[in-house]
Amino acid sequence: MQRIKKGDKVVIIAGKHKQKTGIVLQVFVKEQRAIVEGINMVKRHTKENAQNQKGGIIEKEAPIHLSNLALLDHKAKDVRPVKVKYGTDPKTNKKVRLSRKTNNLVGGQ
């Protein structure tokens, strides 16, 4: 299983966006990067054309390296990274990620 997946709530642990939280929109496994909602915004200058009617400056998220992200336990009150262990969900019998401290489900469940 991947450590971070699409839909997970994460905290940035290094860089200019340190301590900010967001939801993972997309993960690039080969590049080991992820796009996090509202974090690492960059400006793209686009030219007006037939498909893209409006030209100008567009802000969008840029990928962040996975080593700078940590999963969050959204049921815990504090915003701290979570160590993960794997277990099985008794209802669905699927492999799930659990917080080591609180034993809560972690990620986008």
PDB file of N, CA and C in Angstrom:
ATOM      1  N   MET A   1       0.839  -1.193   0.000  1.00  0.00           N
ATOM      2  CA  MET A   1       0.000   0.000   0.000  1.00  0.00           C
ATOM      3  C   MET A   1       0.877   1.247   0.000  1.00  0.00           C
ATOM      4  N   GLN A   2       0.393   2.274  -0.672  1.00  0.00           N
ATOM      5  CA  GLN A   2       1.095   3.542  -0.661  1.00  0.00           C
ATOM      6  C   GLN A   2       0.935   4.218   0.686  1.00  0.00           C
ATOM      7  N   ARG A   3       1.906   5.044   1.014  1.00  0.00           N
ATOM      8  CA  ARG A   3       1.847   5.758   2.284  1.00  0.00           C
ATOM      9  C   ARG A   3       0.821   6.879   2.221  1.00  0.00           C
ATOM     10  N   ILE A   4       0.798   7.627   1.119  1.00  0.00           N
ATOM     11  CA  ILE A   4      -0.147   8.736   0.954  1.00  0.00           C
ATOM     12  C   ILE A   4      -0.950   8.486  -0.311  1.00  0.00           C
ATOM     13  N   LYS A   5      -2.267   8.672  -0.210  1.00  0.00           N
ATOM     14  CA  LYS A   5      -3.166   8.417  -1.331  1.00  0.00           C
ATOM     15  C   LYS A   5      -4.028   9.637  -1.616  1.00  0.00           C
ATOM     16  N   LYS A   6      -4.709   9.617  -2.749  1.00  0.00           N
ATOM     17  CA  LYS A   6      -5.649  10.672  -3.120  1.00  0.00           C
ATOM     18  C   LYS A   6      -6.772  10.732  -2.078  1.00  0.00           C
ATOM     19  N   GLY A   7      -7.100  11.949  -1.637  1.00  0.00           N
ATOM     20  CA  GLY A   7      -8.164  12.136  -0.659  1.00  0.00           C
ATOM     21  C   GLY A   7      -7.694  12.160   0.784  1.00  0.00           C
ATOM     22  N   ASP A   8      -6.413  11.866   1.040  1.00  0.00           N
ATOM     23  CA  ASP A   8      -5.879  11.893   2.400  1.00  0.00           C
ATOM     24  C   ASP A   8      -5.710  13.326   2.883  1.00  0.00           C
ATOM     25  N   LYS A   9      -5.903  13.532   4.184  1.00  0.00           N
ATOM     26  CA  LYS A   9      -5.627  14.827   4.796  1.00  0.00           C
ATOM     27  C   LYS A   9      -4.188  14.774   5.283  1.00  0.00           C
ATOM     28  N   VAL A  10      -3.377  15.752   4.845  1.00  0.00           N
ATOM     29  CA  VAL A  10      -1.953  15.749   5.158  1.00  0.00           C
ATOM     30  C   VAL A  10      -1.528  17.085   5.753  1.00  0.00           C
ATOM     31  N   VAL A  11      -0.369  17.069   6.413  1.00  0.00           N
ATOM     32  CA  VAL A  11       0.267  18.279   6.924  1.00  0.00           C
ATOM     33  C   VAL A  11       1.621  18.395   6.230  1.00  0.00           C
ATOM     34  N   ILE A  12       2.010  19.639   5.895  1.00  0.00           N
ATOM     35  CA  ILE A  12       3.304  19.889   5.274  1.00  0.00           C
ATOM     36  C   ILE A  12       4.322  19.984   6.408  1.00  0.00           C
ATOM     37  N   ILE A  13       5.396  19.198   6.341  1.00  0.00           N
ATOM     38  CA  ILE A  13       6.356  19.161   7.441  1.00  0.00           C
ATOM     39  C   ILE A  13       7.660  19.882   7.121  1.00  0.00           C
ATOM     40  N   ALA A  14       7.835  20.367   5.885  1.00  0.00           N
ATOM     41  CA  ALA A  14       9.054  21.085   5.530  1.00  0.00           C
ATOM     42  C   ALA A  14       8.763  22.051   4.389  1.00  0.00           C
ATOM     43  N   GLY A  15       9.577  23.092   4.302  1.00  0.00           N
ATOM     44  CA  GLY A  15       9.442  24.048   3.216  1.00  0.00           C
ATOM     45  C   GLY A  15       8.685  25.300   3.622  1.00  0.00           C
ATOM     46  N   LYS A  16       8.357  26.128   2.636  1.00  0.00           N
ATOM     47  CA  LYS A  16       7.733  27.422   2.927  1.00  0.00           C
ATOM     48  C   LYS A  16       6.282  27.291   3.391  1.00  0.00           C
ATOM     49  N   HIS A  17       5.658  26.145   3.207  1.00  0.00           N
ATOM     50  CA  HIS A  17       4.270  25.936   3.632  1.00  0.00           C
ATOM     51  C   HIS A  17       4.187  25.053   4.879  1.00  0.00           C
ATOM     52  N   LYS A  18       5.237  25.032   5.676  1.00  0.00           N
ATOM     53  CA  LYS A  18       5.309  24.181   6.864  1.00  0.00           C
ATOM     54  C   LYS A  18       4.125  24.434   7.799  1.00  0.00           C
ATOM     55  N   GLN A  19       3.568  23.350   8.364  1.00  0.00           N
ATOM     56  CA  GLN A  19       2.444  23.352   9.312  1.00  0.00           C
ATOM     57  C   GLN A  19       1.082  23.629   8.677  1.00  0.00           C
ATOM     58  N   LYS A  20       1.003  23.798   7.363  1.00  0.00           N
ATOM     59  CA  LYS A  20      -0.297  23.966   6.704  1.00  0.00           C
ATOM     60  C   LYS A  20      -0.868  22.590   6.393  1.00  0.00           C
ATOM     61  N   THR A  21      -2.196  22.504   6.375  1.00  0.00           N
ATOM     62  CA  THR A  21      -2.850  21.233   6.089  1.00  0.00           C
ATOM     63  C   THR A  21      -3.668  21.347   4.813  1.00  0.00           C
ATOM     64  N   GLY A  22      -3.904  20.219   4.178  1.00  0.00           N
ATOM     65  CA  GLY A  22      -4.702  20.183   2.964  1.00  0.00           C
ATOM     66  C   GLY A  22      -5.043  18.757   2.587  1.00  0.00           C
ATOM     67  N   ILE A  23      -5.825  18.630   1.523  1.00  0.00           N
ATOM     68  CA  ILE A  23      -6.259  17.325   1.031  1.00  0.00           C
ATOM     69  C   ILE A  23      -5.514  17.016  -0.261  1.00  0.00           C
ATOM     70  N   VAL A  24      -5.037  15.789  -0.392  1.00  0.00           N
ATOM     71  CA  VAL A  24      -4.290  15.367  -1.576  1.00  0.00           C
ATOM     72  C   VAL A  24      -5.255  15.222  -2.747  1.00  0.00           C
ATOM     73  N   LEU A  25      -4.965  15.930  -3.840  1.00  0.00           N
ATOM     74  CA  LEU A  25      -5.793  15.867  -5.041  1.00  0.00           C
ATOM     75  C   LEU A  25      -5.294  14.814  -6.020  1.00  0.00           C
ATOM     76  N   GLN A  26      -3.961  14.642  -6.089  1.00  0.00           N
ATOM     77  CA  GLN A  26      -3.386  13.714  -7.058  1.00  0.00           C
ATOM     78  C   GLN A  26      -2.008  13.281  -6.569  1.00  0.00           C
ATOM     79  N   VAL A  27      -1.649  12.025  -6.822  1.00  0.00           N
ATOM     80  CA  VAL A  27      -0.335  11.507  -6.446  1.00  0.00           C
ATOM     81  C   VAL A  27       0.371  11.015  -7.701  1.00  0.00           C
ATOM     82  N   PHE A  28       1.627  11.436  -7.872  1.00  0.00           N
ATOM     83  CA  PHE A  28       2.468  10.972  -8.970  1.00  0.00           C
ATOM     84  C   PHE A  28       3.472   9.991  -8.374  1.00  0.00           C
ATOM     85  N   VAL A  29       3.216   8.694  -8.530  1.00  0.00           N
ATOM     86  CA  VAL A  29       3.990   7.661  -7.851  1.00  0.00           C
ATOM     87  C   VAL A  29       5.426   7.615  -8.361  1.00  0.00           C
ATOM     88  N   LYS A  30       5.641   7.644  -9.662  1.00  0.00           N
ATOM     89  CA  LYS A  30       6.990   7.539 -10.211  1.00  0.00           C
ATOM     90  C   LYS A  30       7.858   8.734  -9.829  1.00  0.00           C
ATOM     91  N   GLU A  31       7.264   9.930  -9.799  1.00  0.00           N
ATOM     92  CA  GLU A  31       8.012  11.140  -9.444  1.00  0.00           C
ATOM     93  C   GLU A  31       8.070  11.356  -7.938  1.00  0.00           C
ATOM     94  N   GLN A  32       7.320  10.575  -7.160  1.00  0.00           N
ATOM     95  CA  GLN A  32       7.210  10.686  -5.706  1.00  0.00           C
ATOM     96  C   GLN A  32       6.768  12.087  -5.291  1.00  0.00           C
ATOM     97  N   ARG A  33       5.733  12.583  -5.946  1.00  0.00           N
ATOM     98  CA  ARG A  33       5.197  13.910  -5.656  1.00  0.00           C
ATOM     99  C   ARG A  33       3.684  13.843  -5.566  1.00  0.00           C
ATOM    100  N   ALA A  34       3.096  14.853  -4.914  1.00  0.00           N
ATOM    101  CA  ALA A  34       1.644  14.921  -4.777  1.00  0.00           C
ATOM    102  C   ALA A  34       1.197  16.370  -4.899  1.00  0.00           C
ATOM    103  N   ILE A  35      -0.030  16.559  -5.379  1.00  0.00           N
ATOM    104  CA  ILE A  35      -0.637  17.882  -5.435  1.00  0.00           C
ATOM    105  C   ILE A  35      -1.597  17.981  -4.260  1.00  0.00           C
ATOM    106  N   VAL A  36      -1.409  19.030  -3.436  1.00  0.00           N
ATOM    107  CA  VAL A  36      -2.236  19.251  -2.250  1.00  0.00           C
ATOM    108  C   VAL A  36      -3.074  20.500  -2.481  1.00  0.00           C
ATOM    109  N   GLU A  37      -4.357  20.404  -2.151  1.00  0.00           N
ATOM    110  CA  GLU A  37      -5.320  21.478  -2.389  1.00  0.00           C
ATOM    111  C   GLU A  37      -4.920  22.767  -1.663  1.00  0.00           C
ATOM    112  N   GLY A  38      -4.732  23.858  -2.436  1.00  0.00           N
ATOM    113  CA  GLY A  38      -4.453  25.175  -1.877  1.00  0.00           C
ATOM    114  C   GLY A  38      -3.029  25.395  -1.402  1.00  0.00           C
ATOM    115  N   ILE A  39      -2.134  24.443  -1.622  1.00  0.00           N
ATOM    116  CA  ILE A  39      -0.749  24.545  -1.157  1.00  0.00           C
ATOM    117  C   ILE A  39       0.178  24.588  -2.364  1.00  0.00           C
ATOM    118  N   ASN A  40       1.279  25.355  -2.242  1.00  0.00           N
ATOM    119  CA  ASN A  40       2.302  25.471  -3.282  1.00  0.00           C
ATOM    120  C   ASN A  40       1.709  26.009  -4.588  1.00  0.00           C
ATOM    121  N   MET A  41       0.992  27.119  -4.483  1.00  0.00           N
ATOM    122  CA  MET A  41       0.357  27.733  -5.650  1.00  0.00           C
ATOM    123  C   MET A  41       1.408  28.423  -6.520  1.00  0.00           C
ATOM    124  N   VAL A  42       1.304  28.216  -7.834  1.00  0.00           N
ATOM    125  CA  VAL A  42       2.181  28.871  -8.803  1.00  0.00           C
ATOM    126  C   VAL A  42       1.318  29.571  -9.843  1.00  0.00           C
ATOM    127  N   LYS A  43       1.902  30.556 -10.517  1.00  0.00           N
ATOM    128  CA  LYS A  43       1.164  31.299 -11.536  1.00  0.00           C
ATOM    129  C   LYS A  43       1.607  30.832 -12.915  1.00  0.00           C
ATOM    130  N   ARG A  44       0.637  30.508 -13.758  1.00  0.00           N
ATOM    131  CA  ARG A  44       0.890  30.097 -15.136  1.00  0.00           C
ATOM    132  C   ARG A  44       0.351  31.171 -16.074  1.00  0.00           C
ATOM    133  N   HIS A  45       1.182  31.587 -17.005  1.00  0.00           N
ATOM    134  CA  HIS A  45       0.764  32.578 -17.989  1.00  0.00           C
ATOM    135  C   HIS A  45       0.266  31.829 -19.219  1.00  0.00           C
ATOM    136  N   THR A  46      -1.025  31.975 -19.536  1.00  0.00           N
ATOM    137  CA  THR A  46      -1.605  31.255 -20.664  1.00  0.00           C
ATOM    138  C   THR A  46      -1.986  32.224 -21.764  1.00  0.00           C
ATOM    139  N   LYS A  47      -1.862  31.747 -22.965  1.00  0.00           N
ATOM    140  CA  LYS A  47      -2.195  32.539 -24.138  1.00  0.00           C
ATOM    141  C   LYS A  47      -3.636  32.247 -24.540  1.00  0.00           C
ATOM    142  N   GLU A  48      -4.324  33.241 -25.037  1.00  0.00           N
ATOM    143  CA  GLU A  48      -5.704  33.077 -25.492  1.00  0.00           C
ATOM    144  C   GLU A  48      -5.716  32.223 -26.762  1.00  0.00           C
ATOM    145  N   ASN A  49      -6.600  31.197 -26.811  1.00  0.00           N
ATOM    146  CA  ASN A  49      -6.717  30.362 -28.004  1.00  0.00           C
ATOM    147  C   ASN A  49      -8.137  29.816 -28.117  1.00  0.00           C
ATOM    148  N   ALA A  50      -8.377  28.950 -29.098  1.00  0.00           N
ATOM    149  CA  ALA A  50      -9.731  28.449 -29.366  1.00  0.00           C
ATOM    150  C   ALA A  50     -10.267  27.591 -28.208  1.00  0.00           C
ATOM    151  N   GLN A  51      -9.429  26.710 -27.642  1.00  0.00           N
ATOM    152  CA  GLN A  51      -9.902  25.864 -26.551  1.00  0.00           C
ATOM    153  C   GLN A  51      -9.966  26.635 -25.231  1.00  0.00           C
ATOM    154  N   ASN A  52      -8.963  27.440 -24.970  1.00  0.00           N
ATOM    155  CA  ASN A  52      -8.903  28.217 -23.733  1.00  0.00           C
ATOM    156  C   ASN A  52      -9.235  29.664 -24.092  1.00  0.00           C
ATOM    157  N   GLN A  53     -10.506  30.014 -24.011  1.00  0.00           N
ATOM    158  CA  GLN A  53     -10.975  31.335 -24.440  1.00  0.00           C
ATOM    159  C   GLN A  53     -10.231  32.462 -23.724  1.00  0.00           C
ATOM    160  N   LYS A  54     -10.118  32.335 -22.395  1.00  0.00           N
ATOM    161  CA  LYS A  54      -9.471  33.391 -21.632  1.00  0.00           C
ATOM    162  C   LYS A  54      -7.977  33.132 -21.538  1.00  0.00           C
ATOM    163  N   GLY A  55      -7.216  34.154 -21.761  1.00  0.00           N
ATOM    164  CA  GLY A  55      -5.790  34.092 -21.527  1.00  0.00           C
ATOM    165  C   GLY A  55      -5.485  34.845 -20.248  1.00  0.00           C
ATOM    166  N   GLY A  56      -4.237  34.879 -19.864  1.00  0.00           N
ATOM    167  CA  GLY A  56      -3.854  35.637 -18.682  1.00  0.00           C
ATOM    168  C   GLY A  56      -3.111  34.786 -17.676  1.00  0.00           C
ATOM    169  N   ILE A  57      -3.139  35.239 -16.439  1.00  0.00           N
ATOM    170  CA  ILE A  57      -2.406  34.574 -15.370  1.00  0.00           C
ATOM    171  C   ILE A  57      -3.366  33.699 -14.571  1.00  0.00           C
ATOM    172  N   ILE A  58      -3.051  32.409 -14.507  1.00  0.00           N
ATOM    173  CA  ILE A  58      -3.885  31.440 -13.791  1.00  0.00           C
ATOM    174  C   ILE A  58      -3.060  30.861 -12.641  1.00  0.00           C
ATOM    175  N   GLU A  59      -3.660  30.799 -11.440  1.00  0.00           N
ATOM    176  CA  GLU A  59      -2.992  30.182 -10.295  1.00  0.00           C
ATOM    177  C   GLU A  59      -3.426  28.732 -10.177  1.00  0.00           C
ATOM    178  N   LYS A  60      -2.455  27.840  -9.979  1.00  0.00           N
ATOM    179  CA  LYS A  60      -2.761  26.425  -9.795  1.00  0.00           C
ATOM    180  C   LYS A  60      -1.746  25.804  -8.852  1.00  0.00           C
ATOM    181  N   GLU A  61      -2.085  24.617  -8.326  1.00  0.00           N
ATOM    182  CA  GLU A  61      -1.212  23.931  -7.388  1.00  0.00           C
ATOM    183  C   GLU A  61      -0.073  23.240  -8.125  1.00  0.00           C
ATOM    184  N   ALA A  62       1.111  23.288  -7.533  1.00  0.00           N
ATOM    185  CA  ALA A  62       2.269  22.576  -8.060  1.00  0.00           C
ATOM    186  C   ALA A  62       2.547  21.379  -7.150  1.00  0.00           C
ATOM    187  N   PRO A  63       3.153  20.324  -7.686  1.00  0.00           N
ATOM    188  CA  PRO A  63       3.425  19.134  -6.873  1.00  0.00           C
ATOM    189  C   PRO A  63       4.447  19.388  -5.763  1.00  0.00           C
ATOM    190  N   ILE A  64       4.299  18.650  -4.665  1.00  0.00           N
ATOM    191  CA  ILE A  64       5.212  18.691  -3.525  1.00  0.00           C
ATOM    192  C   ILE A  64       5.765  17.283  -3.342  1.00  0.00           C
ATOM    193  N   HIS A  65       7.034  17.177  -2.966  1.00  0.00           N
ATOM    194  CA  HIS A  65       7.641  15.866  -2.762  1.00  0.00           C
ATOM    195  C   HIS A  65       6.979  15.157  -1.579  1.00  0.00           C
ATOM    196  N   LEU A  66       6.790  13.844  -1.703  1.00  0.00           N
ATOM    197  CA  LEU A  66       6.107  13.059  -0.671  1.00  0.00           C
ATOM    198  C   LEU A  66       6.841  13.069   0.673  1.00  0.00           C
ATOM    199  N   SER A  67       8.153  13.296   0.657  1.00  0.00           N
ATOM    200  CA  SER A  67       8.899  13.330   1.917  1.00  0.00           C
ATOM    201  C   SER A  67       8.556  14.561   2.748  1.00  0.00           C
ATOM    202  N   ASN A  68       7.941  15.571   2.137  1.00  0.00           N
ATOM    203  CA  ASN A  68       7.545  16.786   2.852  1.00  0.00           C
ATOM    204  C   ASN A  68       6.114  16.722   3.356  1.00  0.00           C
ATOM    205  N   LEU A  69       5.442  15.583   3.188  1.00  0.00           N
ATOM    206  CA  LEU A  69       4.055  15.420   3.623  1.00  0.00           C
ATOM    207  C   LEU A  69       3.967  14.351   4.703  1.00  0.00           C
ATOM    208  N   ALA A  70       3.000  14.529   5.619  1.00  0.00           N
ATOM    209  CA  ALA A  70       2.733  13.518   6.641  1.00  0.00           C
ATOM    210  C   ALA A  70       1.229  13.400   6.808  1.00  0.00           C
ATOM    211  N   LEU A  71       0.748  12.180   7.017  1.00  0.00           N
ATOM    212  CA  LEU A  71      -0.679  11.940   7.220  1.00  0.00           C
ATOM    213  C   LEU A  71      -1.161  12.552   8.523  1.00  0.00           C
ATOM    214  N   LEU A  72      -2.438  12.930   8.553  1.00  0.00           N
ATOM    215  CA  LEU A  72      -3.058  13.473   9.759  1.00  0.00           C
ATOM    216  C   LEU A  72      -4.143  12.541  10.256  1.00  0.00           C
ATOM    217  N   ASP A  73      -4.267  12.458  11.557  1.00  0.00           N
ATOM    218  CA  ASP A  73      -5.389  11.759  12.183  1.00  0.00           C
ATOM    219  C   ASP A  73      -6.470  12.810  12.386  1.00  0.00           C
ATOM    220  N   HIS A  74      -7.502  12.812  11.542  1.00  0.00           N
ATOM    221  CA  HIS A  74      -8.489  13.894  11.578  1.00  0.00           C
ATOM    222  C   HIS A  74      -9.426  13.802  12.776  1.00  0.00           C
ATOM    223  N   LYS A  75      -9.401  12.703  13.518  1.00  0.00           N
ATOM    224  CA  LYS A  75     -10.226  12.608  14.727  1.00  0.00           C
ATOM    225  C   LYS A  75      -9.492  13.138  15.956  1.00  0.00           C
ATOM    226  N   ALA A  76      -8.162  13.206  15.895  1.00  0.00           N
ATOM    227  CA  ALA A  76      -7.389  13.753  17.010  1.00  0.00           C
ATOM    228  C   ALA A  76      -7.510  15.274  17.005  1.00  0.00           C
ATOM    229  N   LYS A  77      -7.350  15.885  18.166  1.00  0.00           N
ATOM    230  CA  LYS A  77      -7.538  17.328  18.282  1.00  0.00           C
ATOM    231  C   LYS A  77      -6.321  18.119  17.806  1.00  0.00           C
ATOM    232  N   ASP A  78      -5.129  17.565  17.933  1.00  0.00           N
ATOM    233  CA  ASP A  78      -3.932  18.303  17.551  1.00  0.00           C
ATOM    234  C   ASP A  78      -3.525  17.994  16.114  1.00  0.00           C
ATOM    235  N   VAL A  79      -2.777  18.932  15.524  1.00  0.00           N
ATOM    236  CA  VAL A  79      -2.311  18.773  14.145  1.00  0.00           C
ATOM    237  C   VAL A  79      -0.868  18.286  14.208  1.00  0.00           C
ATOM    238  N   ARG A  80      -0.711  16.962  14.222  1.00  0.00           N
ATOM    239  CA  ARG A  80       0.604  16.356  14.263  1.00  0.00           C
ATOM    240  C   ARG A  80       0.664  15.203  13.280  1.00  0.00           C
ATOM    241  N   PRO A  81       1.843  14.932  12.715  1.00  0.00           N
ATOM    242  CA  PRO A  81       1.957  13.774  11.830  1.00  0.00           C
ATOM    243  C   PRO A  81       1.636  12.479  12.563  1.00  0.00           C
ATOM    244  N   VAL A  82       1.226  11.473  11.808  1.00  0.00           N
ATOM    245  CA  VAL A  82       0.787  10.202  12.376  1.00  0.00           C
ATOM    246  C   VAL A  82       1.643   9.072  11.825  1.00  0.00           C
ATOM    247  N   LYS A  83       2.073   8.186  12.704  1.00  0.00           N
ATOM    248  CA  LYS A  83       2.703   6.941  12.266  1.00  0.00           C
ATOM    249  C   LYS A  83       1.579   5.968  11.957  1.00  0.00           C
ATOM    250  N   VAL A  84       1.757   5.166  10.923  1.00  0.00           N
ATOM    251  CA  VAL A  84       0.673   4.308  10.449  1.00  0.00           C
ATOM    252  C   VAL A  84       1.010   2.842  10.669  1.00  0.00           C
ATOM    253  N   LYS A  85       0.010   2.084  11.084  1.00  0.00           N
ATOM    254  CA  LYS A  85       0.109   0.625  11.092  1.00  0.00           C
ATOM    255  C   LYS A  85      -1.055   0.105  10.254  1.00  0.00           C
ATOM    256  N   TYR A  86      -0.942  -1.116   9.803  1.00  0.00           N
ATOM    257  CA  TYR A  86      -1.965  -1.679   8.938  1.00  0.00           C
ATOM    258  C   TYR A  86      -2.747  -2.750   9.685  1.00  0.00           C
ATOM    259  N   GLY A  87      -4.048  -2.739   9.465  1.00  0.00           N
ATOM    260  CA  GLY A  87      -4.921  -3.734  10.063  1.00  0.00           C
ATOM    261  C   GLY A  87      -6.043  -4.046   9.092  1.00  0.00           C
ATOM    262  N   THR A  88      -6.985  -4.873   9.504  1.00  0.00           N
ATOM    263  CA  THR A  88      -8.121  -5.190   8.640  1.00  0.00           C
ATOM    264  C   THR A  88      -9.392  -4.622   9.239  1.00  0.00           C
ATOM    265  N   ASP A  89     -10.248  -4.124   8.377  1.00  0.00           N
ATOM    266  CA  ASP A  89     -11.546  -3.600   8.791  1.00  0.00           C
ATOM    267  C   ASP A  89     -12.471  -4.790   9.026  1.00  0.00           C
ATOM    268  N   PRO A  90     -13.058  -4.918  10.228  1.00  0.00           N
ATOM    269  CA  PRO A  90     -13.904  -6.090  10.503  1.00  0.00           C
ATOM    270  C   PRO A  90     -15.170  -6.144   9.648  1.00  0.00           C
ATOM    271  N   LYS A  91     -15.672  -5.001   9.214  1.00  0.00           N
ATOM    272  CA  LYS A  91     -16.905  -4.981   8.415  1.00  0.00           C
ATOM    273  C   LYS A  91     -16.660  -5.430   6.980  1.00  0.00           C
ATOM    274  N   THR A  92     -15.617  -4.867   6.352  1.00  0.00           N
ATOM    275  CA  THR A  92     -15.378  -5.148   4.935  1.00  0.00           C
ATOM    276  C   THR A  92     -14.252  -6.148   4.693  1.00  0.00           C
ATOM    277  N   ASN A  93     -13.479  -6.473   5.736  1.00  0.00           N
ATOM    278  CA  ASN A  93     -12.350  -7.397   5.638  1.00  0.00           C
ATOM    279  C   ASN A  93     -11.290  -6.895   4.653  1.00  0.00           C
ATOM    280  N   LYS A  94     -11.134  -5.557   4.557  1.00  0.00           N
ATOM    281  CA  LYS A  94     -10.118  -4.956   3.697  1.00  0.00           C
ATOM    282  C   LYS A  94      -8.985  -4.416   4.552  1.00  0.00           C
ATOM    283  N   LYS A  95      -7.813  -4.274   3.928  1.00  0.00           N
ATOM    284  CA  LYS A  95      -6.654  -3.725   4.613  1.00  0.00           C
ATOM    285  C   LYS A  95      -6.842  -2.213   4.770  1.00  0.00           C
ATOM    286  N   VAL A  96      -6.669  -1.686   5.981  1.00  0.00           N
ATOM    287  CA  VAL A  96      -6.850  -0.254   6.251  1.00  0.00           C
ATOM    288  C   VAL A  96      -5.634   0.282   7.001  1.00  0.00           C
ATOM    289  N   ARG A  97      -5.505   1.614   7.006  1.00  0.00           N
ATOM    290  CA  ARG A  97      -4.423   2.284   7.722  1.00  0.00           C
ATOM    291  C   ARG A  97      -4.962   2.825   9.044  1.00  0.00           C
ATOM    292  N   LEU A  98      -4.251   2.543  10.121  1.00  0.00           N
ATOM    293  CA  LEU A  98      -4.670   2.960  11.456  1.00  0.00           C
ATOM    294  C   LEU A  98      -3.571   3.798  12.100  1.00  0.00           C
ATOM    295  N   SER A  99      -3.968   4.768  12.922  1.00  0.00           N
ATOM    296  CA  SER A  99      -3.025   5.561  13.703  1.00  0.00           C
ATOM    297  C   SER A  99      -2.453   4.683  14.804  1.00  0.00           C
ATOM    298  N   ARG A 100      -1.143   4.762  15.026  1.00  0.00           N
ATOM    299  CA  ARG A 100      -0.521   3.929  16.060  1.00  0.00           C
ATOM    300  C   ARG A 100      -0.931   4.371  17.457  1.00  0.00           C
ATOM    301  N   LYS A 101      -1.090   5.689  17.664  1.00  0.00           N
ATOM    302  CA  LYS A 101      -1.436   6.187  18.998  1.00  0.00           C
ATOM    303  C   LYS A 101      -2.904   5.983  19.333  1.00  0.00           C
ATOM    304  N   THR A 102      -3.802   6.459  18.450  1.00  0.00           N
ATOM    305  CA  THR A 102      -5.227   6.469  18.779  1.00  0.00           C
ATOM    306  C   THR A 102      -5.987   5.279  18.220  1.00  0.00           C
ATOM    307  N   ASN A 103      -5.371   4.524  17.305  1.00  0.00           N
ATOM    308  CA  ASN A 103      -6.001   3.372  16.662  1.00  0.00           C
ATOM    309  C   ASN A 103      -7.215   3.764  15.812  1.00  0.00           C
ATOM    310  N   ASN A 104      -7.283   5.039  15.390  1.00  0.00           N
ATOM    311  CA  ASN A 104      -8.344   5.517  14.496  1.00  0.00           C
ATOM    312  C   ASN A 104      -7.952   5.268  13.049  1.00  0.00           C
ATOM    313  N   LEU A 105      -8.945   5.214  12.169  1.00  0.00           N
ATOM    314  CA  LEU A 105      -8.673   5.127  10.738  1.00  0.00           C
ATOM    315  C   LEU A 105      -7.992   6.410  10.285  1.00  0.00           C
ATOM    316  N   VAL A 106      -7.029   6.291   9.387  1.00  0.00           N
ATOM    317  CA  VAL A 106      -6.269   7.436   8.897  1.00  0.00           C
ATOM    318  C   VAL A 106      -6.510   7.582   7.412  1.00  0.00           C
ATOM    319  N   GLY A 107      -6.555   8.822   6.949  1.00  0.00           N
ATOM    320  CA  GLY A 107      -6.672   9.084   5.523  1.00  0.00           C
ATOM    321  C   GLY A 107      -8.051   9.506   5.129  1.00  0.00           C
ATOM    322  N   GLY A 108      -8.431   9.187   3.903  1.00  0.00           N
ATOM    323  CA  GLY A 108      -9.691   9.643   3.336  1.00  0.00           C
ATOM    324  C   GLY A 108     -10.868   8.740   3.600  1.00  0.00           C
ATOM    325  N   GLN A 109     -10.840   7.908   4.641  1.00  0.00           N
ATOM    326  CA  GLN A 109     -11.962   7.013   4.913  1.00  0.00           C
ATOM    327  C   GLN A 109     -13.118   7.754   5.528  1.00  0.00           C
TER     328      GLN A 109
END
